Amino acid sequence: PRRRWERVGTLDGAIIIDDYAHNAAKVAAVVGAARQ
């Protein structure tokens, strides 16, 4: 769904993602996903 690991676009080859995470467990999950 939107704002849950939503791929927004790119900038000079970088990928831009948006996520609604707002508490510690959710933020940790998003950081883990980004590391993947």
Full PDB file with SEQRES, HELIX, SHEET, SSBOND, CRYST1, ORIGX, SCALE, CONECT and MASTER records, all heavy atoms in Angstrom:
SEQRES   1 A   36  PRO ARG ARG ARG TRP GLU ARG VAL GLY THR LEU ASP GLY          
SEQRES   2 A   36  ALA ILE ILE ILE ASP ASP TYR ALA HIS ASN ALA ALA LYS          
SEQRES   3 A   36  VAL ALA ALA VAL VAL GLY ALA ALA ARG GLN                      
HELIX    1 AA1 ALA A   24  ARG A   35  1                                  12    
SHEET    1 AA1 2 GLU A   6  LEU A  11  0                                        
SHEET    2 AA1 2 ALA A  14  ASP A  18 -1                                        
CRYST1    1.000    1.000    1.000  90.00  90.00  90.00 P 1           1          
ORIGX1      1.000000  0.000000  0.000000        0.00000                         
ORIGX2      0.000000  1.000000  0.000000        0.00000                         
ORIGX3      0.000000  0.000000  1.000000        0.00000                         
SCALE1      1.000000  0.000000  0.000000        0.00000                         
SCALE2      0.000000  1.000000  0.000000        0.00000                         
SCALE3      0.000000  0.000000  1.000000        0.00000                         
ATOM      1  N   PRO A   1       0.836  -1.200   0.000  1.00  0.00           N  
ATOM      2  CA  PRO A   1       0.000   0.000   0.000  1.00  0.00           C  
ATOM      3  C   PRO A   1       0.872   1.253   0.000  1.00  0.00           C  
ATOM      4  O   PRO A   1       2.077   1.192   0.265  1.00  0.00           O  
ATOM      5  CB  PRO A   1      -0.779  -0.111   1.316  1.00  0.00           C  
ATOM      6  CG  PRO A   1       0.103  -0.930   2.203  1.00  0.00           C  
ATOM      7  CD  PRO A   1       0.842  -1.879   1.301  1.00  0.00           C  
ATOM      8  N   ARG A   2       0.273   2.376  -0.283  1.00  0.00           N  
ATOM      9  CA  ARG A   2       1.031   3.628  -0.271  1.00  0.00           C  
ATOM     10  C   ARG A   2       1.571   3.913   1.122  1.00  0.00           C  
ATOM     11  O   ARG A   2       0.942   3.610   2.122  1.00  0.00           O  
ATOM     12  CB  ARG A   2       0.153   4.785  -0.738  1.00  0.00           C  
ATOM     13  CG  ARG A   2      -0.135   4.723  -2.227  1.00  0.00           C  
ATOM     14  CD  ARG A   2      -0.852   5.957  -2.710  1.00  0.00           C  
ATOM     15  NE  ARG A   2      -1.383   5.735  -4.048  1.00  0.00           N  
ATOM     16  CZ  ARG A   2      -2.315   6.487  -4.607  1.00  0.00           C  
ATOM     17  NH1 ARG A   2      -2.824   7.503  -3.934  1.00  0.00           N  
ATOM     18  NH2 ARG A   2      -2.756   6.225  -5.821  1.00  0.00           N  
ATOM     19  N   ARG A   3       2.752   4.493   1.126  1.00  0.00           N  
ATOM     20  CA  ARG A   3       3.462   4.870   2.348  1.00  0.00           C  
ATOM     21  C   ARG A   3       3.890   3.663   3.168  1.00  0.00           C  
ATOM     22  O   ARG A   3       4.228   3.799   4.347  1.00  0.00           O  
ATOM     23  CB  ARG A   3       2.663   5.851   3.221  1.00  0.00           C  
ATOM     24  CG  ARG A   3       2.354   7.187   2.577  1.00  0.00           C  
ATOM     25  CD  ARG A   3       2.630   8.355   3.524  1.00  0.00           C  
ATOM     26  NE  ARG A   3       4.026   8.411   3.937  1.00  0.00           N  
ATOM     27  CZ  ARG A   3       4.446   8.878   5.109  1.00  0.00           C  
ATOM     28  NH1 ARG A   3       3.575   9.314   5.994  1.00  0.00           N  
ATOM     29  NH2 ARG A   3       5.728   8.905   5.412  1.00  0.00           N  
ATOM     30  N   ARG A   4       3.895   2.486   2.598  1.00  0.00           N  
ATOM     31  CA  ARG A   4       4.491   1.303   3.224  1.00  0.00           C  
ATOM     32  C   ARG A   4       5.505   0.746   2.224  1.00  0.00           C  
ATOM     33  O   ARG A   4       5.134   0.077   1.268  1.00  0.00           O  
ATOM     34  CB  ARG A   4       3.446   0.241   3.564  1.00  0.00           C  
ATOM     35  CG  ARG A   4       2.796   0.435   4.943  1.00  0.00           C  
ATOM     36  CD  ARG A   4       1.899   1.633   4.986  1.00  0.00           C  
ATOM     37  NE  ARG A   4       1.165   1.772   6.247  1.00  0.00           N  
ATOM     38  CZ  ARG A   4       0.307   2.740   6.494  1.00  0.00           C  
ATOM     39  NH1 ARG A   4       0.068   3.669   5.574  1.00  0.00           N  
ATOM     40  NH2 ARG A   4      -0.311   2.814   7.650  1.00  0.00           N  
ATOM     41  N   TRP A   5       6.780   1.115   2.432  1.00  0.00           N  
ATOM     42  CA  TRP A   5       7.840   0.794   1.483  1.00  0.00           C  
ATOM     43  C   TRP A   5       7.403   1.159   0.064  1.00  0.00           C  
ATOM     44  O   TRP A   5       7.477   0.385  -0.871  1.00  0.00           O  
ATOM     45  CB  TRP A   5       8.271  -0.668   1.584  1.00  0.00           C  
ATOM     46  CG  TRP A   5       9.617  -0.896   0.945  1.00  0.00           C  
ATOM     47  CD1 TRP A   5       9.860  -1.408  -0.291  1.00  0.00           C  
ATOM     48  CD2 TRP A   5      10.897  -0.564   1.489  1.00  0.00           C  
ATOM     49  NE1 TRP A   5      11.209  -1.419  -0.557  1.00  0.00           N  
ATOM     50  CE2 TRP A   5      11.874  -0.912   0.532  1.00  0.00           C  
ATOM     51  CE3 TRP A   5      11.328  -0.001   2.687  1.00  0.00           C  
ATOM     52  CZ2 TRP A   5      13.235  -0.724   0.738  1.00  0.00           C  
ATOM     53  CZ3 TRP A   5      12.684   0.181   2.908  1.00  0.00           C  
ATOM     54  CH2 TRP A   5      13.620  -0.180   1.939  1.00  0.00           C  
ATOM     55  N   GLU A   6       6.939   2.375  -0.075  1.00  0.00           N  
ATOM     56  CA  GLU A   6       6.471   2.861  -1.367  1.00  0.00           C  
ATOM     57  C   GLU A   6       7.643   3.419  -2.166  1.00  0.00           C  
ATOM     58  O   GLU A   6       8.334   4.339  -1.713  1.00  0.00           O  
ATOM     59  CB  GLU A   6       5.423   3.946  -1.185  1.00  0.00           C  
ATOM     60  CG  GLU A   6       4.892   4.501  -2.500  1.00  0.00           C  
ATOM     61  CD  GLU A   6       3.925   5.644  -2.309  1.00  0.00           C  
ATOM     62  OE1 GLU A   6       3.688   6.051  -1.152  1.00  0.00           O  
ATOM     63  OE2 GLU A   6       3.407   6.154  -3.326  1.00  0.00           O  
ATOM     64  N   ARG A   7       7.860   2.875  -3.339  1.00  0.00           N  
ATOM     65  CA  ARG A   7       8.928   3.369  -4.203  1.00  0.00           C  
ATOM     66  C   ARG A   7       8.445   4.654  -4.879  1.00  0.00           C  
ATOM     67  O   ARG A   7       7.555   4.622  -5.728  1.00  0.00           O  
ATOM     68  CB  ARG A   7       9.324   2.320  -5.227  1.00  0.00           C  
ATOM     69  CG  ARG A   7      10.496   2.764  -6.106  1.00  0.00           C  
ATOM     70  CD  ARG A   7      11.157   1.597  -6.777  1.00  0.00           C  
ATOM     71  NE  ARG A   7      12.242   2.039  -7.657  1.00  0.00           N  
ATOM     72  CZ  ARG A   7      13.239   1.265  -8.049  1.00  0.00           C  
ATOM     73  NH1 ARG A   7      13.288   0.004  -7.640  1.00  0.00           N  
ATOM     74  NH2 ARG A   7      14.184   1.734  -8.839  1.00  0.00           N  
ATOM     75  N   VAL A   8       9.059   5.774  -4.501  1.00  0.00           N  
ATOM     76  CA  VAL A   8       8.614   7.085  -4.957  1.00  0.00           C  
ATOM     77  C   VAL A   8       9.226   7.438  -6.302  1.00  0.00           C  
ATOM     78  O   VAL A   8       8.577   8.043  -7.168  1.00  0.00           O  
ATOM     79  CB  VAL A   8       8.980   8.161  -3.907  1.00  0.00           C  
ATOM     80  CG1 VAL A   8       8.588   9.551  -4.393  1.00  0.00           C  
ATOM     81  CG2 VAL A   8       8.309   7.848  -2.581  1.00  0.00           C  
ATOM     82  N   GLY A   9      10.498   7.085  -6.489  1.00  0.00           N  
ATOM     83  CA  GLY A   9      11.185   7.429  -7.728  1.00  0.00           C  
ATOM     84  C   GLY A   9      12.680   7.299  -7.545  1.00  0.00           C  
ATOM     85  O   GLY A   9      13.153   6.553  -6.676  1.00  0.00           O  
ATOM     86  N   THR A  10      13.442   8.042  -8.325  1.00  0.00           N  
ATOM     87  CA  THR A  10      14.904   7.975  -8.266  1.00  0.00           C  
ATOM     88  C   THR A  10      15.493   9.380  -8.329  1.00  0.00           C  
ATOM     89  O   THR A  10      14.839  10.337  -8.761  1.00  0.00           O  
ATOM     90  CB  THR A  10      15.484   7.138  -9.417  1.00  0.00           C  
ATOM     91  OG1 THR A  10      15.117   7.734 -10.666  1.00  0.00           O  
ATOM     92  CG2 THR A  10      14.960   5.701  -9.371  1.00  0.00           C  
ATOM     93  N   LEU A  11      16.755   9.489  -7.916  1.00  0.00           N  
ATOM     94  CA  LEU A  11      17.520  10.720  -8.021  1.00  0.00           C  
ATOM     95  C   LEU A  11      18.965  10.355  -8.328  1.00  0.00           C  
ATOM     96  O   LEU A  11      19.649   9.762  -7.478  1.00  0.00           O  
ATOM     97  CB  LEU A  11      17.445  11.530  -6.722  1.00  0.00           C  
ATOM     98  CG  LEU A  11      18.334  12.784  -6.661  1.00  0.00           C  
ATOM     99  CD1 LEU A  11      17.883  13.820  -7.698  1.00  0.00           C  
ATOM    100  CD2 LEU A  11      18.327  13.390  -5.260  1.00  0.00           C  
ATOM    101  N   ASP A  12      19.412  10.625  -9.531  1.00  0.00           N  
ATOM    102  CA  ASP A  12      20.795  10.352  -9.950  1.00  0.00           C  
ATOM    103  C   ASP A  12      21.206   8.913  -9.648  1.00  0.00           C  
ATOM    104  O   ASP A  12      22.318   8.649  -9.184  1.00  0.00           O  
ATOM    105  CB  ASP A  12      21.762  11.320  -9.263  1.00  0.00           C  
ATOM    106  CG  ASP A  12      21.537  12.770  -9.681  1.00  0.00           C  
ATOM    107  OD1 ASP A  12      20.938  12.986 -10.753  1.00  0.00           O  
ATOM    108  OD2 ASP A  12      21.943  13.668  -8.935  1.00  0.00           O  
ATOM    109  N   GLY A  13      20.305   7.977  -9.891  1.00  0.00           N  
ATOM    110  CA  GLY A  13      20.601   6.566  -9.683  1.00  0.00           C  
ATOM    111  C   GLY A  13      20.247   6.041  -8.304  1.00  0.00           C  
ATOM    112  O   GLY A  13      20.204   4.821  -8.088  1.00  0.00           O  
ATOM    113  N   ALA A  14      20.002   6.923  -7.365  1.00  0.00           N  
ATOM    114  CA  ALA A  14      19.566   6.496  -6.026  1.00  0.00           C  
ATOM    115  C   ALA A  14      18.071   6.183  -6.053  1.00  0.00           C  
ATOM    116  O   ALA A  14      17.297   6.829  -6.758  1.00  0.00           O  
ATOM    117  CB  ALA A  14      19.844   7.585  -5.005  1.00  0.00           C  
ATOM    118  N   ILE A  15      17.676   5.173  -5.266  1.00  0.00           N  
ATOM    119  CA  ILE A  15      16.261   4.814  -5.132  1.00  0.00           C  
ATOM    120  C   ILE A  15      15.675   5.575  -3.951  1.00  0.00           C  
ATOM    121  O   ILE A  15      16.292   5.651  -2.879  1.00  0.00           O  
ATOM    122  CB  ILE A  15      16.101   3.296  -4.927  1.00  0.00           C  
ATOM    123  CG1 ILE A  15      16.595   2.532  -6.155  1.00  0.00           C  
ATOM    124  CG2 ILE A  15      14.651   2.941  -4.636  1.00  0.00           C  
ATOM    125  CD1 ILE A  15      16.653   1.040  -5.943  1.00  0.00           C  
ATOM    126  N   ILE A  16      14.473   6.114  -4.129  1.00  0.00           N  
ATOM    127  CA  ILE A  16      13.803   6.857  -3.063  1.00  0.00           C  
ATOM    128  C   ILE A  16      12.564   6.084  -2.622  1.00  0.00           C  
ATOM    129  O   ILE A  16      11.698   5.768  -3.434  1.00  0.00           O  
ATOM    130  CB  ILE A  16      13.430   8.268  -3.520  1.00  0.00           C  
ATOM    131  CG1 ILE A  16      14.692   9.036  -3.935  1.00  0.00           C  
ATOM    132  CG2 ILE A  16      12.698   9.021  -2.404  1.00  0.00           C  
ATOM    133  CD1 ILE A  16      14.399  10.346  -4.611  1.00  0.00           C  
ATOM    134  N   ILE A  17      12.520   5.782  -1.332  1.00  0.00           N  
ATOM    135  CA  ILE A  17      11.433   5.009  -0.724  1.00  0.00           C  
ATOM    136  C   ILE A  17      10.763   5.858   0.338  1.00  0.00           C  
ATOM    137  O   ILE A  17      11.419   6.657   1.015  1.00  0.00           O  
ATOM    138  CB  ILE A  17      11.983   3.712  -0.084  1.00  0.00           C  
ATOM    139  CG1 ILE A  17      12.729   2.836  -1.106  1.00  0.00           C  
ATOM    140  CG2 ILE A  17      10.867   2.928   0.613  1.00  0.00           C  
ATOM    141  CD1 ILE A  17      11.856   2.217  -2.163  1.00  0.00           C  
ATOM    142  N   ASP A  18       9.463   5.668   0.526  1.00  0.00           N  
ATOM    143  CA  ASP A  18       8.753   6.344   1.610  1.00  0.00           C  
ATOM    144  C   ASP A  18       8.040   5.301   2.465  1.00  0.00           C  
ATOM    145  O   ASP A  18       7.474   4.338   1.938  1.00  0.00           O  
ATOM    146  CB  ASP A  18       7.731   7.338   1.053  1.00  0.00           C  
ATOM    147  CG  ASP A  18       6.956   8.046   2.156  1.00  0.00           C  
ATOM    148  OD1 ASP A  18       7.597   8.613   3.057  1.00  0.00           O  
ATOM    149  OD2 ASP A  18       5.707   8.011   2.125  1.00  0.00           O  
ATOM    150  N   ASP A  19       8.078   5.492   3.785  1.00  0.00           N  
ATOM    151  CA  ASP A  19       7.417   4.545   4.684  1.00  0.00           C  
ATOM    152  C   ASP A  19       6.840   5.280   5.891  1.00  0.00           C  
ATOM    153  O   ASP A  19       7.452   6.209   6.426  1.00  0.00           O  
ATOM    154  CB  ASP A  19       8.385   3.464   5.158  1.00  0.00           C  
ATOM    155  CG  ASP A  19       7.664   2.241   5.684  1.00  0.00           C  
ATOM    156  OD1 ASP A  19       7.222   2.269   6.850  1.00  0.00           O  
ATOM    157  OD2 ASP A  19       7.522   1.263   4.930  1.00  0.00           O  
ATOM    158  N   TYR A  20       5.671   4.824   6.318  1.00  0.00           N  
ATOM    159  CA  TYR A  20       4.887   5.444   7.389  1.00  0.00           C  
ATOM    160  C   TYR A  20       5.387   5.078   8.788  1.00  0.00           C  
ATOM    161  O   TYR A  20       4.838   5.549   9.784  1.00  0.00           O  
ATOM    162  CB  TYR A  20       3.432   4.992   7.216  1.00  0.00           C  
ATOM    163  CG  TYR A  20       2.399   5.676   8.063  1.00  0.00           C  
ATOM    164  CD1 TYR A  20       2.020   6.989   7.825  1.00  0.00           C  
ATOM    165  CD2 TYR A  20       1.752   4.993   9.096  1.00  0.00           C  
ATOM    166  CE1 TYR A  20       1.041   7.611   8.580  1.00  0.00           C  
ATOM    167  CE2 TYR A  20       0.765   5.601   9.860  1.00  0.00           C  
ATOM    168  CZ  TYR A  20       0.417   6.907   9.600  1.00  0.00           C  
ATOM    169  OH  TYR A  20      -0.560   7.515  10.349  1.00  0.00           O  
ATOM    170  N   ALA A  21       6.407   4.262   8.915  1.00  0.00           N  
ATOM    171  CA  ALA A  21       6.868   3.757  10.221  1.00  0.00           C  
ATOM    172  C   ALA A  21       7.060   4.908  11.208  1.00  0.00           C  
ATOM    173  O   ALA A  21       7.711   5.901  10.887  1.00  0.00           O  
ATOM    174  CB  ALA A  21       8.165   2.985  10.047  1.00  0.00           C  
ATOM    175  N   HIS A  22       6.539   4.747  12.414  1.00  0.00           N  
ATOM    176  CA  HIS A  22       6.622   5.837  13.374  1.00  0.00           C  
ATOM    177  C   HIS A  22       6.856   5.388  14.809  1.00  0.00           C  
ATOM    178  O   HIS A  22       6.885   6.221  15.714  1.00  0.00           O  
ATOM    179  CB  HIS A  22       5.352   6.698  13.307  1.00  0.00           C  
ATOM    180  CG  HIS A  22       4.083   5.914  13.440  1.00  0.00           C  
ATOM    181  ND1 HIS A  22       3.510   5.282  12.359  1.00  0.00           N  
ATOM    182  CD2 HIS A  22       3.298   5.654  14.495  1.00  0.00           C  
ATOM    183  CE1 HIS A  22       2.401   4.675  12.768  1.00  0.00           C  
ATOM    184  NE2 HIS A  22       2.257   4.882  14.053  1.00  0.00           N  
ATOM    185  N   ASN A  23       6.998   4.088  15.057  1.00  0.00           N  
ATOM    186  CA  ASN A  23       7.466   3.664  16.374  1.00  0.00           C  
ATOM    187  C   ASN A  23       8.707   2.794  16.203  1.00  0.00           C  
ATOM    188  O   ASN A  23       9.080   2.427  15.086  1.00  0.00           O  
ATOM    189  CB  ASN A  23       6.360   2.963  17.182  1.00  0.00           C  
ATOM    190  CG  ASN A  23       5.867   1.688  16.532  1.00  0.00           C  
ATOM    191  OD1 ASN A  23       6.621   0.963  15.900  1.00  0.00           O  
ATOM    192  ND2 ASN A  23       4.583   1.403  16.694  1.00  0.00           N  
ATOM    193  N   ALA A  24       9.361   2.476  17.302  1.00  0.00           N  
ATOM    194  CA  ALA A  24      10.696   1.879  17.234  1.00  0.00           C  
ATOM    195  C   ALA A  24      10.722   0.558  16.476  1.00  0.00           C  
ATOM    196  O   ALA A  24      11.622   0.322  15.662  1.00  0.00           O  
ATOM    197  CB  ALA A  24      11.253   1.701  18.643  1.00  0.00           C  
ATOM    198  N   ALA A  25       9.745  -0.301  16.728  1.00  0.00           N  
ATOM    199  CA  ALA A  25       9.742  -1.607  16.061  1.00  0.00           C  
ATOM    200  C   ALA A  25       9.551  -1.443  14.553  1.00  0.00           C  
ATOM    201  O   ALA A  25      10.199  -2.136  13.755  1.00  0.00           O  
ATOM    202  CB  ALA A  25       8.649  -2.494  16.651  1.00  0.00           C  
ATOM    203  N   LYS A  26       8.667  -0.540  14.168  1.00  0.00           N  
ATOM    204  CA  LYS A  26       8.431  -0.315  12.736  1.00  0.00           C  
ATOM    205  C   LYS A  26       9.656   0.309  12.068  1.00  0.00           C  
ATOM    206  O   LYS A  26      10.026  -0.061  10.950  1.00  0.00           O  
ATOM    207  CB  LYS A  26       7.219   0.591  12.546  1.00  0.00           C  
ATOM    208  CG  LYS A  26       5.901  -0.024  12.998  1.00  0.00           C  
ATOM    209  CD  LYS A  26       4.769   0.979  12.915  1.00  0.00           C  
ATOM    210  CE  LYS A  26       3.468   0.372  13.409  1.00  0.00           C  
ATOM    211  NZ  LYS A  26       2.354   1.341  13.436  1.00  0.00           N  
ATOM    212  N   VAL A  27      10.286   1.261  12.757  1.00  0.00           N  
ATOM    213  CA  VAL A  27      11.472   1.902  12.197  1.00  0.00           C  
ATOM    214  C   VAL A  27      12.586   0.876  12.018  1.00  0.00           C  
ATOM    215  O   VAL A  27      13.268   0.840  10.983  1.00  0.00           O  
ATOM    216  CB  VAL A  27      11.923   3.071  13.090  1.00  0.00           C  
ATOM    217  CG1 VAL A  27      13.279   3.605  12.641  1.00  0.00           C  
ATOM    218  CG2 VAL A  27      10.882   4.193  13.068  1.00  0.00           C  
ATOM    219  N   ALA A  28      12.766   0.004  13.019  1.00  0.00           N  
ATOM    220  CA  ALA A  28      13.788  -1.041  12.906  1.00  0.00           C  
ATOM    221  C   ALA A  28      13.511  -1.950  11.714  1.00  0.00           C  
ATOM    222  O   ALA A  28      14.441  -2.355  11.002  1.00  0.00           O  
ATOM    223  CB  ALA A  28      13.835  -1.859  14.199  1.00  0.00           C  
ATOM    224  N   ALA A  29      12.239  -2.278  11.492  1.00  0.00           N  
ATOM    225  CA  ALA A  29      11.888  -3.148  10.361  1.00  0.00           C  
ATOM    226  C   ALA A  29      12.202  -2.467   9.034  1.00  0.00           C  
ATOM    227  O   ALA A  29      12.705  -3.100   8.097  1.00  0.00           O  
ATOM    228  CB  ALA A  29      10.401  -3.508  10.430  1.00  0.00           C  
ATOM    229  N   VAL A  30      11.935  -1.168   8.941  1.00  0.00           N  
ATOM    230  CA  VAL A  30      12.220  -0.433   7.705  1.00  0.00           C  
ATOM    231  C   VAL A  30      13.720  -0.355   7.458  1.00  0.00           C  
ATOM    232  O   VAL A  30      14.186  -0.536   6.319  1.00  0.00           O  
ATOM    233  CB  VAL A  30      11.602   0.980   7.769  1.00  0.00           C  
ATOM    234  CG1 VAL A  30      12.123   1.856   6.637  1.00  0.00           C  
ATOM    235  CG2 VAL A  30      10.092   0.892   7.691  1.00  0.00           C  
ATOM    236  N   VAL A  31      14.494  -0.088   8.498  1.00  0.00           N  
ATOM    237  CA  VAL A  31      15.946  -0.038   8.339  1.00  0.00           C  
ATOM    238  C   VAL A  31      16.474  -1.406   7.894  1.00  0.00           C  
ATOM    239  O   VAL A  31      17.334  -1.508   7.017  1.00  0.00           O  
ATOM    240  CB  VAL A  31      16.628   0.429   9.639  1.00  0.00           C  
ATOM    241  CG1 VAL A  31      18.147   0.340   9.514  1.00  0.00           C  
ATOM    242  CG2 VAL A  31      16.217   1.864   9.978  1.00  0.00           C  
ATOM    243  N   GLY A  32      15.921  -2.477   8.470  1.00  0.00           N  
ATOM    244  CA  GLY A  32      16.314  -3.818   8.053  1.00  0.00           C  
ATOM    245  C   GLY A  32      15.981  -4.095   6.603  1.00  0.00           C  
ATOM    246  O   GLY A  32      16.769  -4.705   5.877  1.00  0.00           O  
ATOM    247  N   ALA A  33      14.802  -3.645   6.174  1.00  0.00           N  
ATOM    248  CA  ALA A  33      14.417  -3.810   4.770  1.00  0.00           C  
ATOM    249  C   ALA A  33      15.366  -3.040   3.856  1.00  0.00           C  
ATOM    250  O   ALA A  33      15.768  -3.532   2.794  1.00  0.00           O  
ATOM    251  CB  ALA A  33      12.979  -3.337   4.569  1.00  0.00           C  
ATOM    252  N   ALA A  34      15.744  -1.837   4.270  1.00  0.00           N  
ATOM    253  CA  ALA A  34      16.667  -1.034   3.467  1.00  0.00           C  
ATOM    254  C   ALA A  34      18.034  -1.709   3.350  1.00  0.00           C  
ATOM    255  O   ALA A  34      18.667  -1.685   2.287  1.00  0.00           O  
ATOM    256  CB  ALA A  34      16.809   0.357   4.084  1.00  0.00           C  
ATOM    257  N   ARG A  35      18.474  -2.340   4.413  1.00  0.00           N  
ATOM    258  CA  ARG A  35      19.757  -3.041   4.380  1.00  0.00           C  
ATOM    259  C   ARG A  35      19.708  -4.212   3.392  1.00  0.00           C  
ATOM    260  O   ARG A  35      20.706  -4.550   2.752  1.00  0.00           O  
ATOM    261  CB  ARG A  35      20.143  -3.548   5.765  1.00  0.00           C  
ATOM    262  CG  ARG A  35      20.428  -2.450   6.787  1.00  0.00           C  
ATOM    263  CD  ARG A  35      21.806  -2.615   7.401  1.00  0.00           C  
ATOM    264  NE  ARG A  35      22.849  -2.447   6.396  1.00  0.00           N  
ATOM    265  CZ  ARG A  35      23.461  -1.285   6.121  1.00  0.00           C  
ATOM    266  NH1 ARG A  35      23.126  -0.203   6.784  1.00  0.00           N  
ATOM    267  NH2 ARG A  35      24.391  -1.210   5.199  1.00  0.00           N  
ATOM    268  N   GLN A  36      18.542  -4.829   3.242  1.00  0.00           N  
ATOM    269  CA  GLN A  36      18.409  -5.958   2.321  1.00  0.00           C  
ATOM    270  C   GLN A  36      18.649  -5.544   0.875  1.00  0.00           C  
ATOM    271  O   GLN A  36      19.001  -6.379   0.035  1.00  0.00           O  
ATOM    272  CB  GLN A  36      17.020  -6.591   2.463  1.00  0.00           C  
ATOM    273  CG  GLN A  36      16.841  -7.882   1.653  1.00  0.00           C  
ATOM    274  CD  GLN A  36      15.501  -8.552   1.885  1.00  0.00           C  
ATOM    275  OE1 GLN A  36      15.021  -8.594   3.023  1.00  0.00           O  
ATOM    276  NE2 GLN A  36      14.881  -9.065   0.841  1.00  0.00           N  
TER     277      GLN A  36                                                      
MASTER        0    0    0    1    2    0    0    6  276    1    0    3          
END                                                                             
